[in-house]
């Protein structure tokens, strides 16, 4: 293999390892954000039970919230708390507001 081919091979493999390293960093960062978000939500003793049906997924730039809560106030509070904890991430709030009695019906304001 000529010297030029060796250099080109090194450049290509170096670029691939940098991409893998960046992906690994993004995955570790996302896992850390998810763990911190769950800790923030569940350490709140008076309201921690309200978020038991909420799932948090993180990516490099987005924190996605899914699940259900019993009131619009709790949905807004959830987004506000996580928004302050993660100011550099976009919060994607897909949490549904359901009847507080737990029947799973949409709240009367959503009909």
N, C-alpha and C. Protein backbone atom coordinates (compact mmCIF):
# COMPACT_ATOMS: atom_id res chain seq x y z
N UNK A 1 0.86 -1.17 0.00
CA UNK A 1 0.00 0.00 0.00
C UNK A 1 0.90 1.23 0.00
N UNK A 2 0.57 2.17 -0.83
CA UNK A 2 1.42 3.36 -0.93
C UNK A 2 1.19 4.27 0.27
N UNK A 3 2.12 5.18 0.44
CA UNK A 3 2.05 6.12 1.56
C UNK A 3 0.77 6.96 1.50
N UNK A 4 0.37 7.40 0.31
CA UNK A 4 -0.83 8.22 0.13
C UNK A 4 -2.08 7.43 0.52
N UNK A 5 -2.15 6.15 0.12
CA UNK A 5 -3.30 5.32 0.48
C UNK A 5 -3.39 5.10 1.98
N UNK A 6 -2.25 4.92 2.63
CA UNK A 6 -2.24 4.74 4.08
C UNK A 6 -2.78 5.99 4.77
N UNK A 7 -2.36 7.16 4.33
CA UNK A 7 -2.84 8.42 4.92
C UNK A 7 -4.35 8.57 4.73
N UNK A 8 -4.84 8.26 3.53
CA UNK A 8 -6.28 8.36 3.28
C UNK A 8 -7.06 7.39 4.14
N UNK A 9 -6.55 6.17 4.32
CA UNK A 9 -7.21 5.19 5.16
C UNK A 9 -7.27 5.69 6.61
N UNK A 10 -6.18 6.25 7.08
CA UNK A 10 -6.16 6.80 8.44
C UNK A 10 -7.19 7.92 8.60
N UNK A 11 -7.28 8.80 7.61
CA UNK A 11 -8.24 9.90 7.67
C UNK A 11 -9.67 9.38 7.74
N UNK A 12 -9.99 8.39 6.92
CA UNK A 12 -11.35 7.82 6.92
C UNK A 12 -11.66 7.13 8.22
N UNK A 13 -10.75 6.32 8.73
CA UNK A 13 -11.03 5.61 9.98
C UNK A 13 -11.08 6.59 11.15
N UNK A 14 -10.31 7.63 11.12
CA UNK A 14 -10.35 8.65 12.16
C UNK A 14 -11.71 9.34 12.18
N UNK A 15 -12.26 9.66 11.01
CA UNK A 15 -13.56 10.29 10.93
C UNK A 15 -14.67 9.40 11.46
N UNK A 16 -14.58 8.10 11.17
CA UNK A 16 -15.59 7.15 11.66
C UNK A 16 -15.53 7.01 13.17
N UNK A 17 -14.33 6.98 13.73
CA UNK A 17 -14.24 6.84 15.18
C UNK A 17 -14.73 8.11 15.88
N UNK A 18 -14.52 9.26 15.26
CA UNK A 18 -15.05 10.50 15.84
C UNK A 18 -16.58 10.49 15.82
N UNK A 19 -17.17 9.99 14.73
CA UNK A 19 -18.63 9.89 14.66
C UNK A 19 -19.16 8.95 15.73
N UNK A 20 -18.50 7.79 15.88
CA UNK A 20 -18.91 6.84 16.92
C UNK A 20 -18.78 7.45 18.30
N UNK A 21 -17.72 8.20 18.51
CA UNK A 21 -17.52 8.86 19.80
C UNK A 21 -18.60 9.89 20.08
N UNK A 22 -18.99 10.64 19.04
CA UNK A 22 -20.04 11.65 19.21
C UNK A 22 -21.37 10.98 19.50
N UNK A 23 -21.67 9.87 18.82
CA UNK A 23 -22.92 9.15 19.08
C UNK A 23 -22.94 8.59 20.49
N UNK A 24 -21.81 8.04 20.93
CA UNK A 24 -21.73 7.50 22.28
C UNK A 24 -21.93 8.60 23.31
N UNK A 25 -21.31 9.76 23.06
CA UNK A 25 -21.49 10.90 23.96
C UNK A 25 -22.96 11.31 24.02
N UNK A 26 -23.62 11.40 22.86
CA UNK A 26 -25.04 11.77 22.83
C UNK A 26 -25.89 10.76 23.59
N UNK A 27 -25.60 9.46 23.44
CA UNK A 27 -26.35 8.43 24.16
C UNK A 27 -26.17 8.54 25.67
N UNK A 28 -24.94 8.75 26.09
CA UNK A 28 -24.66 8.87 27.53
C UNK A 28 -25.32 10.14 28.08
N UNK A 29 -25.25 11.23 27.32
CA UNK A 29 -25.89 12.48 27.73
C UNK A 29 -27.40 12.29 27.86
N UNK A 30 -28.01 11.62 26.90
CA UNK A 30 -29.46 11.39 26.94
C UNK A 30 -29.85 10.55 28.14
N UNK A 31 -29.09 9.50 28.42
CA UNK A 31 -29.38 8.66 29.59
C UNK A 31 -29.25 9.45 30.88
N UNK A 32 -28.25 10.30 30.96
CA UNK A 32 -28.06 11.13 32.14
C UNK A 32 -29.24 12.09 32.32
N UNK A 33 -29.67 12.72 31.23
CA UNK A 33 -30.80 13.65 31.30
C UNK A 33 -32.07 12.93 31.76
N UNK A 34 -32.32 11.73 31.25
CA UNK A 34 -33.50 10.96 31.66
C UNK A 34 -33.44 10.65 33.14
N UNK A 35 -32.28 10.24 33.63
CA UNK A 35 -32.13 9.89 35.04
C UNK A 35 -32.36 11.11 35.93
N UNK A 36 -31.77 12.24 35.55
CA UNK A 36 -31.93 13.47 36.33
C UNK A 36 -33.39 13.92 36.31
N UNK A 37 -34.06 13.81 35.17
CA UNK A 37 -35.47 14.21 35.07
C UNK A 37 -36.33 13.35 35.99
N UNK A 38 -36.13 12.03 35.99
CA UNK A 38 -36.90 11.17 36.89
C UNK A 38 -36.64 11.50 38.35
N UNK A 39 -35.39 11.76 38.69
CA UNK A 39 -35.07 12.12 40.07
C UNK A 39 -35.76 13.42 40.47
N UNK A 40 -35.74 14.41 39.58
CA UNK A 40 -36.41 15.67 39.88
C UNK A 40 -37.91 15.48 40.09
N UNK A 41 -38.51 14.68 39.26
CA UNK A 41 -39.96 14.49 39.34
C UNK A 41 -40.37 13.68 40.57
N UNK A 42 -39.61 12.66 40.90
CA UNK A 42 -40.04 11.76 41.95
C UNK A 42 -39.53 12.14 43.33
N UNK A 43 -38.65 13.12 43.43
CA UNK A 43 -38.23 13.56 44.75
C UNK A 43 -39.21 14.59 45.32
N UNK A 44 -40.10 15.09 44.48
CA UNK A 44 -41.11 16.04 44.92
C UNK A 44 -42.16 15.27 45.71
N UNK A 45 -42.07 15.26 47.01
CA UNK A 45 -42.97 14.44 47.81
C UNK A 45 -44.45 14.82 47.66
N UNK A 46 -44.84 16.08 47.72
CA UNK A 46 -46.27 16.33 47.63
C UNK A 46 -46.85 16.02 46.25
N UNK A 47 -46.04 16.12 45.19
CA UNK A 47 -46.58 15.95 43.85
C UNK A 47 -45.97 14.77 43.09
N UNK A 48 -45.03 14.08 43.66
CA UNK A 48 -44.36 12.99 42.96
C UNK A 48 -45.30 11.93 42.43
N UNK A 49 -46.37 11.64 43.17
CA UNK A 49 -47.33 10.62 42.72
C UNK A 49 -48.07 11.04 41.46
N UNK A 50 -48.22 12.35 41.23
CA UNK A 50 -48.96 12.84 40.06
C UNK A 50 -48.24 12.53 38.76
N UNK A 51 -46.92 12.33 38.82
CA UNK A 51 -46.13 12.08 37.62
C UNK A 51 -45.73 10.63 37.46
N UNK A 52 -46.39 9.73 38.17
CA UNK A 52 -46.01 8.32 38.09
C UNK A 52 -46.29 7.72 36.72
N UNK A 53 -47.22 8.31 35.97
CA UNK A 53 -47.55 7.80 34.64
C UNK A 53 -46.88 8.59 33.52
N UNK A 54 -45.84 9.33 33.84
CA UNK A 54 -45.14 10.14 32.85
C UNK A 54 -43.81 9.48 32.51
N UNK A 55 -43.55 9.35 31.21
CA UNK A 55 -42.27 8.80 30.73
C UNK A 55 -41.45 9.93 30.13
N UNK A 56 -40.16 9.86 30.35
CA UNK A 56 -39.23 10.88 29.84
C UNK A 56 -38.24 10.19 28.90
N UNK A 57 -38.09 10.74 27.71
CA UNK A 57 -37.09 10.27 26.75
C UNK A 57 -36.26 11.47 26.33
N UNK A 58 -34.97 11.29 26.31
CA UNK A 58 -34.08 12.39 25.95
C UNK A 58 -33.27 12.03 24.71
N UNK A 59 -32.97 13.05 23.95
CA UNK A 59 -32.04 12.93 22.84
C UNK A 59 -31.03 14.06 23.00
N UNK A 60 -30.21 14.27 22.01
CA UNK A 60 -29.17 15.29 22.13
C UNK A 60 -29.73 16.69 22.32
N UNK A 61 -30.93 16.95 21.79
CA UNK A 61 -31.48 18.31 21.86
C UNK A 61 -32.91 18.39 22.39
N UNK A 62 -33.55 17.26 22.66
CA UNK A 62 -34.96 17.25 23.01
C UNK A 62 -35.22 16.37 24.22
N UNK A 63 -36.12 16.83 25.07
CA UNK A 63 -36.63 16.04 26.17
C UNK A 63 -38.10 15.80 25.87
N UNK A 64 -38.49 14.56 25.60
CA UNK A 64 -39.87 14.22 25.23
C UNK A 64 -40.61 13.66 26.43
N UNK A 65 -41.78 14.20 26.69
CA UNK A 65 -42.61 13.76 27.81
C UNK A 65 -43.88 13.12 27.26
N UNK A 66 -44.20 11.91 27.71
CA UNK A 66 -45.43 11.24 27.33
C UNK A 66 -46.07 10.66 28.57
N UNK A 67 -47.34 10.34 28.48
CA UNK A 67 -48.05 9.77 29.61
C UNK A 67 -49.30 10.55 29.91
N UNK A 68 -49.69 10.57 31.18
CA UNK A 68 -50.92 11.28 31.55
C UNK A 68 -50.83 11.85 32.96
N UNK A 69 -51.52 12.94 33.15
CA UNK A 69 -51.64 13.59 34.46
C UNK A 69 -53.10 14.00 34.65
N UNK A 70 -53.52 14.24 35.90
CA UNK A 70 -54.93 14.53 36.15
C UNK A 70 -55.36 15.99 35.95
N UNK A 71 -54.43 16.92 35.64
CA UNK A 71 -54.88 18.30 35.46
C UNK A 71 -53.93 19.07 34.54
N UNK A 72 -54.48 20.13 33.94
CA UNK A 72 -53.67 20.99 33.08
C UNK A 72 -52.59 21.70 33.90
N UNK A 73 -52.89 22.01 35.16
CA UNK A 73 -51.91 22.65 36.03
C UNK A 73 -50.67 21.76 36.18
N UNK A 74 -50.88 20.46 36.42
CA UNK A 74 -49.75 19.55 36.59
C UNK A 74 -48.97 19.37 35.29
N UNK A 75 -49.66 19.40 34.17
CA UNK A 75 -48.97 19.32 32.87
C UNK A 75 -48.05 20.52 32.68
N UNK A 76 -48.57 21.71 32.98
CA UNK A 76 -47.77 22.93 32.85
C UNK A 76 -46.62 22.95 33.86
N UNK A 77 -46.90 22.51 35.08
CA UNK A 77 -45.88 22.47 36.13
C UNK A 77 -44.76 21.51 35.75
N UNK A 78 -45.12 20.38 35.19
CA UNK A 78 -44.14 19.40 34.73
C UNK A 78 -43.20 20.02 33.70
N UNK A 79 -43.76 20.68 32.71
CA UNK A 79 -42.94 21.29 31.67
C UNK A 79 -42.09 22.42 32.23
N UNK A 80 -42.65 23.20 33.13
CA UNK A 80 -41.91 24.31 33.72
C UNK A 80 -40.71 23.83 34.53
N UNK A 81 -40.91 22.82 35.36
CA UNK A 81 -39.81 22.30 36.20
C UNK A 81 -38.70 21.70 35.35
N UNK A 82 -39.07 20.92 34.37
CA UNK A 82 -38.03 20.31 33.54
C UNK A 82 -37.38 21.34 32.63
N UNK A 83 -38.13 22.34 32.21
CA UNK A 83 -37.56 23.41 31.39
C UNK A 83 -36.51 24.20 32.14
N UNK A 84 -36.75 24.43 33.43
CA UNK A 84 -35.73 25.13 34.24
C UNK A 84 -34.52 24.25 34.50
N UNK A 85 -34.73 22.96 34.64
CA UNK A 85 -33.61 22.05 34.90
C UNK A 85 -32.76 21.81 33.66
N UNK A 86 -33.38 21.90 32.47
CA UNK A 86 -32.69 21.65 31.22
C UNK A 86 -32.92 22.82 30.27
N UNK A 87 -32.32 23.97 30.54
CA UNK A 87 -32.61 25.16 29.72
C UNK A 87 -32.13 25.05 28.28
N UNK A 88 -31.18 24.18 27.98
CA UNK A 88 -30.66 24.07 26.63
C UNK A 88 -31.39 23.04 25.78
N UNK A 89 -32.33 22.31 26.38
CA UNK A 89 -33.08 21.30 25.64
C UNK A 89 -34.48 21.79 25.33
N UNK A 90 -34.98 21.38 24.18
CA UNK A 90 -36.38 21.67 23.84
C UNK A 90 -37.25 20.65 24.57
N UNK A 91 -38.31 21.12 25.21
CA UNK A 91 -39.22 20.22 25.91
C UNK A 91 -40.40 19.93 24.99
N UNK A 92 -40.59 18.67 24.67
CA UNK A 92 -41.70 18.23 23.82
C UNK A 92 -42.72 17.57 24.75
N UNK A 93 -43.77 18.29 25.09
CA UNK A 93 -44.73 17.84 26.09
C UNK A 93 -45.94 17.21 25.41
N UNK A 94 -45.97 15.89 25.38
CA UNK A 94 -47.09 15.14 24.80
C UNK A 94 -47.90 14.45 25.88
N UNK A 95 -47.88 14.99 27.07
CA UNK A 95 -48.60 14.42 28.19
C UNK A 95 -50.09 14.72 28.03
N UNK A 96 -50.93 13.71 28.22
CA UNK A 96 -52.38 13.87 28.12
C UNK A 96 -52.95 14.21 29.49
N UNK A 97 -53.96 15.04 29.50
CA UNK A 97 -54.68 15.36 30.73
C UNK A 97 -55.92 14.48 30.76
N UNK A 98 -56.03 13.66 31.80
CA UNK A 98 -57.15 12.73 31.92
C UNK A 98 -58.00 13.09 33.14
N UNK A 99 -59.17 12.52 33.19
CA UNK A 99 -60.08 12.74 34.31
C UNK A 99 -59.38 12.37 35.62
N UNK A 100 -59.45 13.24 36.58
CA UNK A 100 -58.76 13.04 37.86
C UNK A 100 -59.26 11.81 38.61
N UNK A 101 -60.43 11.32 38.27
CA UNK A 101 -60.95 10.13 38.95
C UNK A 101 -60.27 8.86 38.45
N UNK A 102 -59.47 9.00 37.40
CA UNK A 102 -58.67 7.86 36.95
C UNK A 102 -59.34 6.96 35.95
N UNK A 103 -60.43 7.38 35.33
CA UNK A 103 -61.11 6.55 34.35
C UNK A 103 -60.43 6.56 32.99
N UNK A 104 -59.47 7.45 32.82
CA UNK A 104 -58.75 7.52 31.57
C UNK A 104 -59.47 8.31 30.49
N UNK A 105 -60.57 8.93 30.81
CA UNK A 105 -61.28 9.75 29.85
C UNK A 105 -60.60 11.10 29.73
N UNK A 106 -60.64 11.73 28.55
CA UNK A 106 -60.08 13.08 28.44
C UNK A 106 -60.79 14.04 29.39
N UNK A 107 -60.04 14.99 29.88
CA UNK A 107 -60.65 16.00 30.76
C UNK A 107 -61.69 16.76 29.98
N UNK A 108 -62.68 17.33 30.66
CA UNK A 108 -63.79 17.98 30.00
C UNK A 108 -63.36 19.11 29.09
N UNK A 109 -62.24 19.74 29.32
CA UNK A 109 -61.76 20.84 28.48
C UNK A 109 -61.22 20.38 27.13
N UNK A 110 -60.99 19.07 26.94
CA UNK A 110 -60.43 18.57 25.69
C UNK A 110 -61.48 18.12 24.70
N UNK A 111 -62.73 18.02 25.08
CA UNK A 111 -63.78 17.53 24.16
C UNK A 111 -64.07 18.47 23.06
